[in-house]
Amino acid sequence: MKLLRKYIHQILSEEKKMSGSWDKEPGAGIVVVRQFDDGWRVLCLHTEDSMDLPKGGIDAGEDVLSTALRETREEANITDLEFNWGLNGIKIFHMTMFVAQTHQDPE
């Protein structure tokens, strides 16, 4: 879990460098992991210049988990999620990130 936290921190730090600001609205997302024969893999979304995690801003009336689920569905079309490590989010900067396992391919 320590390496995963470091990875999330790195992704969000890159986002900060690109935007030039820490003053962002709160958001949430999910670090989606999947186990293959040769080990675990983390879902990364390819952007123009880097990789990112499925995440986004909290809409009116949403809580952080609802936001994380919606963003993962919208950005990767993944809905089969198992929160084997619990539903305690990892808060880093302005984002709350959850960790969930899937058996589903992203789209």
PDB file of N, CA and C in Angstrom:
ATOM      1  N   MET A   1       0.827  -1.183   0.000  1.00  0.00           N
ATOM      2  CA  MET A   1       0.000   0.000   0.000  1.00  0.00           C
ATOM      3  C   MET A   1       0.875   1.253   0.000  1.00  0.00           C
ATOM      4  N   LYS A   2       2.051   1.164   0.602  1.00  0.00           N
ATOM      5  CA  LYS A   2       2.958   2.299   0.654  1.00  0.00           C
ATOM      6  C   LYS A   2       3.403   2.703  -0.754  1.00  0.00           C
ATOM      7  N   LEU A   3       3.712   1.732  -1.604  1.00  0.00           N
ATOM      8  CA  LEU A   3       4.113   2.034  -2.981  1.00  0.00           C
ATOM      9  C   LEU A   3       2.957   2.631  -3.767  1.00  0.00           C
ATOM     10  N   LEU A   4       1.766   2.151  -3.511  1.00  0.00           N
ATOM     11  CA  LEU A   4       0.590   2.672  -4.192  1.00  0.00           C
ATOM     12  C   LEU A   4       0.350   4.126  -3.803  1.00  0.00           C
ATOM     13  N   ARG A   5       0.488   4.427  -2.539  1.00  0.00           N
ATOM     14  CA  ARG A   5       0.340   5.816  -2.075  1.00  0.00           C
ATOM     15  C   ARG A   5       1.382   6.712  -2.759  1.00  0.00           C
ATOM     16  N   LYS A   6       2.602   6.229  -2.878  1.00  0.00           N
ATOM     17  CA  LYS A   6       3.667   6.995  -3.527  1.00  0.00           C
ATOM     18  C   LYS A   6       3.326   7.230  -5.003  1.00  0.00           C
ATOM     19  N   TYR A   7       2.781   6.218  -5.662  1.00  0.00           N
ATOM     20  CA  TYR A   7       2.390   6.344  -7.059  1.00  0.00           C
ATOM     21  C   TYR A   7       1.289   7.391  -7.222  1.00  0.00           C
ATOM     22  N   ILE A   8       0.269   7.346  -6.364  1.00  0.00           N
ATOM     23  CA  ILE A   8      -0.821   8.320  -6.425  1.00  0.00           C
ATOM     24  C   ILE A   8      -0.267   9.724  -6.210  1.00  0.00           C
ATOM     25  N   HIS A   9       0.601   9.879  -5.240  1.00  0.00           N
ATOM     26  CA  HIS A   9       1.216  11.174  -4.954  1.00  0.00           C
ATOM     27  C   HIS A   9       1.959  11.684  -6.182  1.00  0.00           C
ATOM     28  N   GLN A  10       2.683  10.810  -6.860  1.00  0.00           N
ATOM     29  CA  GLN A  10       3.438  11.203  -8.049  1.00  0.00           C
ATOM     30  C   GLN A  10       2.502  11.667  -9.162  1.00  0.00           C
ATOM     31  N   ILE A  11       1.421  10.926  -9.411  1.00  0.00           N
ATOM     32  CA  ILE A  11       0.463  11.296 -10.450  1.00  0.00           C
ATOM     33  C   ILE A  11      -0.145  12.664 -10.140  1.00  0.00           C
ATOM     34  N   LEU A  12      -0.567  12.884  -8.899  1.00  0.00           N
ATOM     35  CA  LEU A  12      -1.191  14.148  -8.535  1.00  0.00           C
ATOM     36  C   LEU A  12      -0.183  15.292  -8.524  1.00  0.00           C
ATOM     37  N   SER A  13       1.073  15.009  -8.205  1.00  0.00           N
ATOM     38  CA  SER A  13       2.107  16.039  -8.258  1.00  0.00           C
ATOM     39  C   SER A  13       2.357  16.484  -9.691  1.00  0.00           C
ATOM     40  N   GLU A  14       2.334  15.538 -10.621  1.00  0.00           N
ATOM     41  CA  GLU A  14       2.489  15.880 -12.034  1.00  0.00           C
ATOM     42  C   GLU A  14       1.348  16.776 -12.489  1.00  0.00           C
ATOM     43  N   GLU A  15       0.145  16.466 -12.029  1.00  0.00           N
ATOM     44  CA  GLU A  15      -1.023  17.283 -12.360  1.00  0.00           C
ATOM     45  C   GLU A  15      -0.832  18.704 -11.837  1.00  0.00           C
ATOM     46  N   LYS A  16      -0.306  18.833 -10.637  1.00  0.00           N
ATOM     47  CA  LYS A  16      -0.057  20.150 -10.047  1.00  0.00           C
ATOM     48  C   LYS A  16       0.954  20.919 -10.869  1.00  0.00           C
ATOM     49  N   LYS A  17       2.027  20.263 -11.322  1.00  0.00           N
ATOM     50  CA  LYS A  17       3.044  20.927 -12.132  1.00  0.00           C
ATOM     51  C   LYS A  17       2.440  21.463 -13.426  1.00  0.00           C
ATOM     52  N   MET A  18       1.563  20.668 -14.032  1.00  0.00           N
ATOM     53  CA  MET A  18       0.964  21.070 -15.301  1.00  0.00           C
ATOM     54  C   MET A  18      -0.004  22.241 -15.117  1.00  0.00           C
ATOM     55  N   SER A  19      -0.737  22.260 -14.010  1.00  0.00           N
ATOM     56  CA  SER A  19      -1.723  23.320 -13.799  1.00  0.00           C
ATOM     57  C   SER A  19      -1.114  24.529 -13.096  1.00  0.00           C
ATOM     58  N   GLY A  20      -0.020  24.301 -12.376  1.00  0.00           N
ATOM     59  CA  GLY A  20       0.639  25.389 -11.677  1.00  0.00           C
ATOM     60  C   GLY A  20      -0.045  25.828 -10.399  1.00  0.00           C
ATOM     61  N   SER A  21      -0.981  25.040  -9.899  1.00  0.00           N
ATOM     62  CA  SER A  21      -1.713  25.470  -8.709  1.00  0.00           C
ATOM     63  C   SER A  21      -2.128  24.285  -7.852  1.00  0.00           C
ATOM     64  N   TRP A  22      -2.146  24.517  -6.536  1.00  0.00           N
ATOM     65  CA  TRP A  22      -2.693  23.532  -5.605  1.00  0.00           C
ATOM     66  C   TRP A  22      -4.146  23.854  -5.292  1.00  0.00           C
ATOM     67  N   ASP A  23      -4.585  25.033  -5.661  1.00  0.00           N
ATOM     68  CA  ASP A  23      -5.930  25.493  -5.320  1.00  0.00           C
ATOM     69  C   ASP A  23      -6.953  24.900  -6.272  1.00  0.00           C
ATOM     70  N   LYS A  24      -7.252  23.650  -6.066  1.00  0.00           N
ATOM     71  CA  LYS A  24      -8.219  22.959  -6.909  1.00  0.00           C
ATOM     72  C   LYS A  24      -9.406  22.542  -6.070  1.00  0.00           C
ATOM     73  N   GLU A  25     -10.523  22.397  -6.743  1.00  0.00           N
ATOM     74  CA  GLU A  25     -11.728  21.911  -6.076  1.00  0.00           C
ATOM     75  C   GLU A  25     -11.509  20.468  -5.631  1.00  0.00           C
ATOM     76  N   PRO A  26     -12.136  20.055  -4.536  1.00  0.00           N
ATOM     77  CA  PRO A  26     -12.006  18.666  -4.095  1.00  0.00           C
ATOM     78  C   PRO A  26     -12.514  17.695  -5.168  1.00  0.00           C
ATOM     79  N   GLY A  27     -11.896  16.553  -5.221  1.00  0.00           N
ATOM     80  CA  GLY A  27     -12.291  15.539  -6.183  1.00  0.00           C
ATOM     81  C   GLY A  27     -12.046  14.156  -5.626  1.00  0.00           C
ATOM     82  N   ALA A  28     -12.354  13.157  -6.440  1.00  0.00           N
ATOM     83  CA  ALA A  28     -12.173  11.770  -6.005  1.00  0.00           C
ATOM     84  C   ALA A  28     -11.960  10.871  -7.205  1.00  0.00           C
ATOM     85  N   GLY A  29     -11.379   9.732  -6.948  1.00  0.00           N
ATOM     86  CA  GLY A  29     -11.143   8.754  -8.001  1.00  0.00           C
ATOM     87  C   GLY A  29     -10.828   7.393  -7.412  1.00  0.00           C
ATOM     88  N   ILE A  30     -10.568   6.474  -8.308  1.00  0.00           N
ATOM     89  CA  ILE A  30     -10.260   5.106  -7.880  1.00  0.00           C
ATOM     90  C   ILE A  30      -8.979   4.644  -8.561  1.00  0.00           C
ATOM     91  N   VAL A  31      -8.071   4.093  -7.771  1.00  0.00           N
ATOM     92  CA  VAL A  31      -6.914   3.402  -8.311  1.00  0.00           C
ATOM     93  C   VAL A  31      -7.402   1.981  -8.563  1.00  0.00           C
ATOM     94  N   VAL A  32      -7.582   1.652  -9.838  1.00  0.00           N
ATOM     95  CA  VAL A  32      -8.130   0.357 -10.224  1.00  0.00           C
ATOM     96  C   VAL A  32      -6.972  -0.598 -10.465  1.00  0.00           C
ATOM     97  N   VAL A  33      -6.982  -1.717  -9.752  1.00  0.00           N
ATOM     98  CA  VAL A  33      -5.932  -2.718  -9.914  1.00  0.00           C
ATOM     99  C   VAL A  33      -6.551  -4.015 -10.422  1.00  0.00           C
ATOM    100  N   ARG A  34      -5.725  -4.768 -11.123  1.00  0.00           N
ATOM    101  CA  ARG A  34      -6.180  -6.053 -11.658  1.00  0.00           C
ATOM    102  C   ARG A  34      -5.025  -7.035 -11.580  1.00  0.00           C
ATOM    103  N   GLN A  35      -5.342  -8.246 -11.176  1.00  0.00           N
ATOM    104  CA  GLN A  35      -4.311  -9.268 -11.058  1.00  0.00           C
ATOM    105  C   GLN A  35      -4.266 -10.111 -12.326  1.00  0.00           C
ATOM    106  N   PHE A  36      -3.063 -10.240 -12.867  1.00  0.00           N
ATOM    107  CA  PHE A  36      -2.801 -11.091 -14.024  1.00  0.00           C
ATOM    108  C   PHE A  36      -1.864 -12.215 -13.589  1.00  0.00           C
ATOM    109  N   ASP A  37      -1.590 -13.148 -14.480  1.00  0.00           N
ATOM    110  CA  ASP A  37      -0.710 -14.274 -14.149  1.00  0.00           C
ATOM    111  C   ASP A  37       0.659 -13.804 -13.670  1.00  0.00           C
ATOM    112  N   ASP A  38       1.161 -12.699 -14.241  1.00  0.00           N
ATOM    113  CA  ASP A  38       2.502 -12.241 -13.884  1.00  0.00           C
ATOM    114  C   ASP A  38       2.508 -11.134 -12.828  1.00  0.00           C
ATOM    115  N   GLY A  39       1.362 -10.842 -12.221  1.00  0.00           N
ATOM    116  CA  GLY A  39       1.334  -9.862 -11.143  1.00  0.00           C
ATOM    117  C   GLY A  39       0.206  -8.856 -11.279  1.00  0.00           C
ATOM    118  N   TRP A  40       0.245  -7.858 -10.416  1.00  0.00           N
ATOM    119  CA  TRP A  40      -0.782  -6.819 -10.369  1.00  0.00           C
ATOM    120  C   TRP A  40      -0.456  -5.705 -11.346  1.00  0.00           C
ATOM    121  N   ARG A  41      -1.494  -5.114 -11.915  1.00  0.00           N
ATOM    122  CA  ARG A  41      -1.356  -3.962 -12.811  1.00  0.00           C
ATOM    123  C   ARG A  41      -2.316  -2.873 -12.336  1.00  0.00           C
ATOM    124  N   VAL A  42      -1.920  -1.618 -12.536  1.00  0.00           N
ATOM    125  CA  VAL A  42      -2.745  -0.462 -12.199  1.00  0.00           C
ATOM    126  C   VAL A  42      -3.267   0.140 -13.494  1.00  0.00           C
ATOM    127  N   LEU A  43      -4.563   0.433 -13.530  1.00  0.00           N
ATOM    128  CA  LEU A  43      -5.159   1.076 -14.694  1.00  0.00           C
ATOM    129  C   LEU A  43      -4.663   2.511 -14.779  1.00  0.00           C
ATOM    130  N   CYS A  44      -4.085   2.871 -15.923  1.00  0.00           N
ATOM    131  CA  CYS A  44      -3.666   4.239 -16.179  1.00  0.00           C
ATOM    132  C   CYS A  44      -4.330   4.704 -17.462  1.00  0.00           C
ATOM    133  N   LEU A  45      -4.790   5.929 -17.447  1.00  0.00           N
ATOM    134  CA  LEU A  45      -5.375   6.533 -18.631  1.00  0.00           C
ATOM    135  C   LEU A  45      -4.300   7.355 -19.319  1.00  0.00           C
ATOM    136  N   HIS A  46      -4.194   7.207 -20.625  1.00  0.00           N
ATOM    137  CA  HIS A  46      -3.205   7.983 -21.369  1.00  0.00           C
ATOM    138  C   HIS A  46      -3.782   9.343 -21.716  1.00  0.00           C
ATOM    139  N   THR A  47      -3.049  10.401 -21.351  1.00  0.00           N
ATOM    140  CA  THR A  47      -3.417  11.752 -21.721  1.00  0.00           C
ATOM    141  C   THR A  47      -2.419  12.223 -22.769  1.00  0.00           C
ATOM    142  N   GLU A  48      -2.492  13.469 -23.139  1.00  0.00           N
ATOM    143  CA  GLU A  48      -1.596  13.981 -24.184  1.00  0.00           C
ATOM    144  C   GLU A  48      -0.129  13.777 -23.852  1.00  0.00           C
ATOM    145  N   ASP A  49       0.254  14.127 -22.626  1.00  0.00           N
ATOM    146  CA  ASP A  49       1.670  14.110 -22.269  1.00  0.00           C
ATOM    147  C   ASP A  49       2.056  13.112 -21.197  1.00  0.00           C
ATOM    148  N   SER A  50       1.065  12.462 -20.593  1.00  0.00           N
ATOM    149  CA  SER A  50       1.405  11.591 -19.473  1.00  0.00           C
ATOM    150  C   SER A  50       0.306  10.563 -19.246  1.00  0.00           C
ATOM    151  N   MET A  51       0.375   9.927 -18.100  1.00  0.00           N
ATOM    152  CA  MET A  51      -0.656   8.977 -17.700  1.00  0.00           C
ATOM    153  C   MET A  51      -1.404   9.571 -16.515  1.00  0.00           C
ATOM    154  N   ASP A  52      -2.629   9.122 -16.326  1.00  0.00           N
ATOM    155  CA  ASP A  52      -3.452   9.644 -15.254  1.00  0.00           C
ATOM    156  C   ASP A  52      -4.307   8.519 -14.687  1.00  0.00           C
ATOM    157  N   LEU A  53      -4.962   8.810 -13.587  1.00  0.00           N
ATOM    158  CA  LEU A  53      -5.876   7.870 -12.953  1.00  0.00           C
ATOM    159  C   LEU A  53      -7.301   8.367 -13.172  1.00  0.00           C
ATOM    160  N   PRO A  54      -8.292   7.472 -13.177  1.00  0.00           N
ATOM    161  CA  PRO A  54      -9.675   7.934 -13.300  1.00  0.00           C
ATOM    162  C   PRO A  54     -10.086   8.721 -12.055  1.00  0.00           C
ATOM    163  N   LYS A  55     -10.364   9.998 -12.250  1.00  0.00           N
ATOM    164  CA  LYS A  55     -10.714  10.878 -11.130  1.00  0.00           C
ATOM    165  C   LYS A  55     -11.321  12.148 -11.687  1.00  0.00           C
ATOM    166  N   GLY A  56     -11.975  12.901 -10.815  1.00  0.00           N
ATOM    167  CA  GLY A  56     -12.551  14.160 -11.244  1.00  0.00           C
ATOM    168  C   GLY A  56     -13.219  14.889 -10.100  1.00  0.00           C
ATOM    169  N   GLY A  57     -13.828  16.010 -10.435  1.00  0.00           N
ATOM    170  CA  GLY A  57     -14.454  16.864  -9.443  1.00  0.00           C
ATOM    171  C   GLY A  57     -15.764  16.303  -8.916  1.00  0.00           C
ATOM    172  N   ILE A  58     -16.088  16.741  -7.715  1.00  0.00           N
ATOM    173  CA  ILE A  58     -17.315  16.309  -7.049  1.00  0.00           C
ATOM    174  C   ILE A  58     -18.474  17.175  -7.540  1.00  0.00           C
ATOM    175  N   ASP A  59     -19.508  16.535  -8.080  1.00  0.00           N
ATOM    176  CA  ASP A  59     -20.709  17.242  -8.513  1.00  0.00           C
ATOM    177  C   ASP A  59     -21.600  17.539  -7.311  1.00  0.00           C
ATOM    178  N   ALA A  60     -22.475  18.512  -7.461  1.00  0.00           N
ATOM    179  CA  ALA A  60     -23.401  18.882  -6.391  1.00  0.00           C
ATOM    180  C   ALA A  60     -24.208  17.659  -5.957  1.00  0.00           C
ATOM    181  N   GLY A  61     -24.281  17.453  -4.657  1.00  0.00           N
ATOM    182  CA  GLY A  61     -25.052  16.345  -4.107  1.00  0.00           C
ATOM    183  C   GLY A  61     -24.318  15.022  -4.040  1.00  0.00           C
ATOM    184  N   GLU A  62     -23.091  14.963  -4.533  1.00  0.00           N
ATOM    185  CA  GLU A  62     -22.311  13.717  -4.509  1.00  0.00           C
ATOM    186  C   GLU A  62     -21.418  13.662  -3.283  1.00  0.00           C
ATOM    187  N   ASP A  63     -21.150  12.452  -2.827  1.00  0.00           N
ATOM    188  CA  ASP A  63     -20.105  12.262  -1.834  1.00  0.00           C
ATOM    189  C   ASP A  63     -18.858  11.773  -2.582  1.00  0.00           C
ATOM    190  N   VAL A  64     -17.761  11.612  -1.876  1.00  0.00           N
ATOM    191  CA  VAL A  64     -16.502  11.261  -2.557  1.00  0.00           C
ATOM    192  C   VAL A  64     -16.564   9.886  -3.217  1.00  0.00           C
ATOM    193  N   LEU A  65     -17.195   8.914  -2.578  1.00  0.00           N
ATOM    194  CA  LEU A  65     -17.262   7.578  -3.177  1.00  0.00           C
ATOM    195  C   LEU A  65     -18.128   7.591  -4.438  1.00  0.00           C
ATOM    196  N   SER A  66     -19.251   8.282  -4.403  1.00  0.00           N
ATOM    197  CA  SER A  66     -20.109   8.379  -5.599  1.00  0.00           C
ATOM    198  C   SER A  66     -19.361   9.036  -6.747  1.00  0.00           C
ATOM    199  N   THR A  67     -18.589  10.065  -6.429  1.00  0.00           N
ATOM    200  CA  THR A  67     -17.780  10.739  -7.447  1.00  0.00           C
ATOM    201  C   THR A  67     -16.761   9.772  -8.045  1.00  0.00           C
ATOM    202  N   ALA A  68     -16.067   9.047  -7.190  1.00  0.00           N
ATOM    203  CA  ALA A  68     -15.045   8.107  -7.642  1.00  0.00           C
ATOM    204  C   ALA A  68     -15.647   7.043  -8.554  1.00  0.00           C
ATOM    205  N   LEU A  69     -16.794   6.513  -8.173  1.00  0.00           N
ATOM    206  CA  LEU A  69     -17.468   5.493  -8.991  1.00  0.00           C
ATOM    207  C   LEU A  69     -17.900   6.066 -10.341  1.00  0.00           C
ATOM    208  N   ARG A  70     -18.479   7.269 -10.326  1.00  0.00           N
ATOM    209  CA  ARG A  70     -18.931   7.905 -11.567  1.00  0.00           C
ATOM    210  C   ARG A  70     -17.760   8.179 -12.496  1.00  0.00           C
ATOM    211  N   GLU A  71     -16.685   8.743 -11.969  1.00  0.00           N
ATOM    212  CA  GLU A  71     -15.522   9.072 -12.805  1.00  0.00           C
ATOM    213  C   GLU A  71     -14.892   7.820 -13.407  1.00  0.00           C
ATOM    214  N   THR A  72     -14.828   6.744 -12.643  1.00  0.00           N
ATOM    215  CA  THR A  72     -14.252   5.493 -13.154  1.00  0.00           C
ATOM    216  C   THR A  72     -15.128   4.908 -14.262  1.00  0.00           C
ATOM    217  N   ARG A  73     -16.432   5.016 -14.082  1.00  0.00           N
ATOM    218  CA  ARG A  73     -17.366   4.552 -15.121  1.00  0.00           C
ATOM    219  C   ARG A  73     -17.247   5.428 -16.377  1.00  0.00           C
ATOM    220  N   GLU A  74     -17.213   6.743 -16.211  1.00  0.00           N
ATOM    221  CA  GLU A  74     -17.147   7.656 -17.350  1.00  0.00           C
ATOM    222  C   GLU A  74     -15.824   7.561 -18.099  1.00  0.00           C
ATOM    223  N   GLU A  75     -14.729   7.445 -17.389  1.00  0.00           N
ATOM    224  CA  GLU A  75     -13.418   7.520 -18.021  1.00  0.00           C
ATOM    225  C   GLU A  75     -12.864   6.179 -18.484  1.00  0.00           C
ATOM    226  N   ALA A  76     -13.300   5.079 -17.867  1.00  0.00           N
ATOM    227  CA  ALA A  76     -12.755   3.765 -18.237  1.00  0.00           C
ATOM    228  C   ALA A  76     -13.832   2.724 -18.488  1.00  0.00           C
ATOM    229  N   ASN A  77     -15.094   3.095 -18.283  1.00  0.00           N
ATOM    230  CA  ASN A  77     -16.231   2.181 -18.426  1.00  0.00           C
ATOM    231  C   ASN A  77     -16.072   0.938 -17.548  1.00  0.00           C
ATOM    232  N   ILE A  78     -15.523   1.127 -16.369  1.00  0.00           N
ATOM    233  CA  ILE A  78     -15.371   0.031 -15.411  1.00  0.00           C
ATOM    234  C   ILE A  78     -16.393   0.220 -14.296  1.00  0.00           C
ATOM    235  N   THR A  79     -17.198  -0.810 -14.105  1.00  0.00           N
ATOM    236  CA  THR A  79     -18.227  -0.780 -13.052  1.00  0.00           C
ATOM    237  C   THR A  79     -18.079  -1.963 -12.098  1.00  0.00           C
ATOM    238  N   ASP A  80     -17.321  -2.991 -12.500  1.00  0.00           N
ATOM    239  CA  ASP A  80     -17.086  -4.174 -11.670  1.00  0.00           C
ATOM    240  C   ASP A  80     -15.914  -3.874 -10.749  1.00  0.00           C
ATOM    241  N   LEU A  81     -16.212  -3.405  -9.541  1.00  0.00           N
ATOM    242  CA  LEU A  81     -15.167  -2.995  -8.606  1.00  0.00           C
ATOM    243  C   LEU A  81     -15.377  -3.667  -7.259  1.00  0.00           C
ATOM    244  N   GLU A  82     -14.292  -4.210  -6.728  1.00  0.00           N
ATOM    245  CA  GLU A  82     -14.307  -4.848  -5.416  1.00  0.00           C
ATOM    246  C   GLU A  82     -13.369  -4.058  -4.506  1.00  0.00           C
ATOM    247  N   PHE A  83     -13.903  -3.519  -3.444  1.00  0.00           N
ATOM    248  CA  PHE A  83     -13.116  -2.718  -2.510  1.00  0.00           C
ATOM    249  C   PHE A  83     -12.564  -3.621  -1.407  1.00  0.00           C
ATOM    250  N   ASN A  84     -11.672  -4.520  -1.819  1.00  0.00           N
ATOM    251  CA  ASN A  84     -11.102  -5.521  -0.908  1.00  0.00           C
ATOM    252  C   ASN A  84     -10.275  -4.911   0.218  1.00  0.00           C
ATOM    253  N   TRP A  85      -9.804  -3.693   0.032  1.00  0.00           N
ATOM    254  CA  TRP A  85      -8.956  -3.041   1.032  1.00  0.00           C
ATOM    255  C   TRP A  85      -9.746  -2.022   1.847  1.00  0.00           C
ATOM    256  N   GLY A  86     -11.059  -2.045   1.711  1.00  0.00           N
ATOM    257  CA  GLY A  86     -11.909  -1.155   2.490  1.00  0.00           C
ATOM    258  C   GLY A  86     -12.312   0.090   1.716  1.00  0.00           C
ATOM    259  N   LEU A  87     -13.152   0.871   2.348  1.00  0.00           N
ATOM    260  CA  LEU A  87     -13.678   2.089   1.723  1.00  0.00           C
ATOM    261  C   LEU A  87     -13.122   3.352   2.368  1.00  0.00           C
ATOM    262  N   ASN A  88     -11.964   3.222   2.995  1.00  0.00           N
ATOM    263  CA  ASN A  88     -11.294   4.402   3.536  1.00  0.00           C
ATOM    264  C   ASN A  88     -10.433   5.008   2.444  1.00  0.00           C
ATOM    265  N   GLY A  89     -10.814   6.180   1.989  1.00  0.00           N
ATOM    266  CA  GLY A  89     -10.058   6.826   0.925  1.00  0.00           C
ATOM    267  C   GLY A  89      -8.711   7.340   1.402  1.00  0.00           C
ATOM    268  N   ILE A  90      -7.801   7.463   0.462  1.00  0.00           N
ATOM    269  CA  ILE A  90      -6.482   8.037   0.714  1.00  0.00           C
ATOM    270  C   ILE A  90      -6.562   9.490   0.247  1.00  0.00           C
ATOM    271  N   LYS A  91      -6.441  10.429   1.170  1.00  0.00           N
ATOM    272  CA  LYS A  91      -6.538  11.841   0.805  1.00  0.00           C
ATOM    273  C   LYS A  91      -5.139  12.380   0.524  1.00  0.00           C
ATOM    274  N   ILE A  92      -4.939  12.818  -0.708  1.00  0.00           N
ATOM    275  CA  ILE A  92      -3.665  13.406  -1.120  1.00  0.00           C
ATOM    276  C   ILE A  92      -3.988  14.698  -1.849  1.00  0.00           C
ATOM    277  N   PHE A  93      -3.461  15.787  -1.328  1.00  0.00           N
ATOM    278  CA  PHE A  93      -3.766  17.117  -1.854  1.00  0.00           C
ATOM    279  C   PHE A  93      -5.282  17.326  -1.837  1.00  0.00           C
ATOM    280  N   HIS A  94      -5.868  17.630  -2.959  1.00  0.00           N
ATOM    281  CA  HIS A  94      -7.302  17.917  -3.049  1.00  0.00           C
ATOM    282  C   HIS A  94      -8.139  16.695  -3.426  1.00  0.00           C
ATOM    283  N   MET A  95      -7.495  15.559  -3.647  1.00  0.00           N
ATOM    284  CA  MET A  95      -8.194  14.366  -4.123  1.00  0.00           C
ATOM    285  C   MET A  95      -8.295  13.306  -3.023  1.00  0.00           C
ATOM    286  N   THR A  96      -9.422  12.608  -3.026  1.00  0.00           N
ATOM    287  CA  THR A  96      -9.588  11.415  -2.197  1.00  0.00           C
ATOM    288  C   THR A  96      -9.614  10.235  -3.152  1.00  0.00           C
ATOM    289  N   MET A  97      -8.684   9.317  -2.976  1.00  0.00           N
ATOM    290  CA  MET A  97      -8.555   8.173  -3.870  1.00  0.00           C
ATOM    291  C   MET A  97      -8.859   6.888  -3.109  1.00  0.00           C
ATOM    292  N   PHE A  98      -9.576   6.007  -3.784  1.00  0.00           N
ATOM    293  CA  PHE A  98      -9.892   4.688  -3.253  1.00  0.00           C
ATOM    294  C   PHE A  98      -9.111   3.660  -4.061  1.00  0.00           C
ATOM    295  N   VAL A  99      -8.983   2.461  -3.525  1.00  0.00           N
ATOM    296  CA  VAL A  99      -8.319   1.362  -4.228  1.00  0.00           C
ATOM    297  C   VAL A  99      -9.339   0.246  -4.398  1.00  0.00           C
ATOM    298  N   ALA A 100      -9.473  -0.227  -5.644  1.00  0.00           N
ATOM    299  CA  ALA A 100     -10.429  -1.301  -5.909  1.00  0.00           C
ATOM    300  C   ALA A 100      -9.857  -2.244  -6.962  1.00  0.00           C
ATOM    301  N   GLN A 101     -10.236  -3.486  -6.848  1.00  0.00           N
ATOM    302  CA  GLN A 101      -9.833  -4.522  -7.811  1.00  0.00           C
ATOM    303  C   GLN A 101     -10.961  -4.725  -8.818  1.00  0.00           C
ATOM    304  N   THR A 102     -10.569  -5.028 -10.049  1.00  0.00           N
ATOM    305  CA  THR A 102     -11.553  -5.359 -11.083  1.00  0.00           C
ATOM    306  C   THR A 102     -11.098  -6.585 -11.848  1.00  0.00           C
ATOM    307  N   HIS A 103     -12.039  -7.160 -12.572  1.00  0.00           N
ATOM    308  CA  HIS A 103     -11.748  -8.260 -13.507  1.00  0.00           C
ATOM    309  C   HIS A 103     -12.177  -7.829 -14.912  1.00  0.00           C
ATOM    310  N   GLN A 104     -12.545  -6.575 -15.032  1.00  0.00           N
ATOM    311  CA  GLN A 104     -13.117  -6.028 -16.242  1.00  0.00           C
ATOM    312  C   GLN A 104     -12.045  -5.291 -17.054  1.00  0.00           C
ATOM    313  N   ASP A 105     -12.133  -5.372 -18.387  1.00  0.00           N
ATOM    314  CA  ASP A 105     -11.246  -4.615 -19.254  1.00  0.00           C
ATOM    315  C   ASP A 105     -11.752  -3.189 -19.381  1.00  0.00           C
ATOM    316  N   PRO A 106     -10.849  -2.194 -19.388  1.00  0.00           N
ATOM    317  CA  PRO A 106     -11.294  -0.808 -19.585  1.00  0.00           C
ATOM    318  C   PRO A 106     -11.661  -0.571 -21.049  1.00  0.00           C
ATOM    319  N   GLU A 107     -12.468   0.435 -21.268  1.00  0.00           N
ATOM    320  CA  GLU A 107     -12.827   0.846 -22.645  1.00  0.00           C
ATOM    321  C   GLU A 107     -12.524   2.310 -22.806  1.00  0.00           C
TER     322      GLU A 107
END
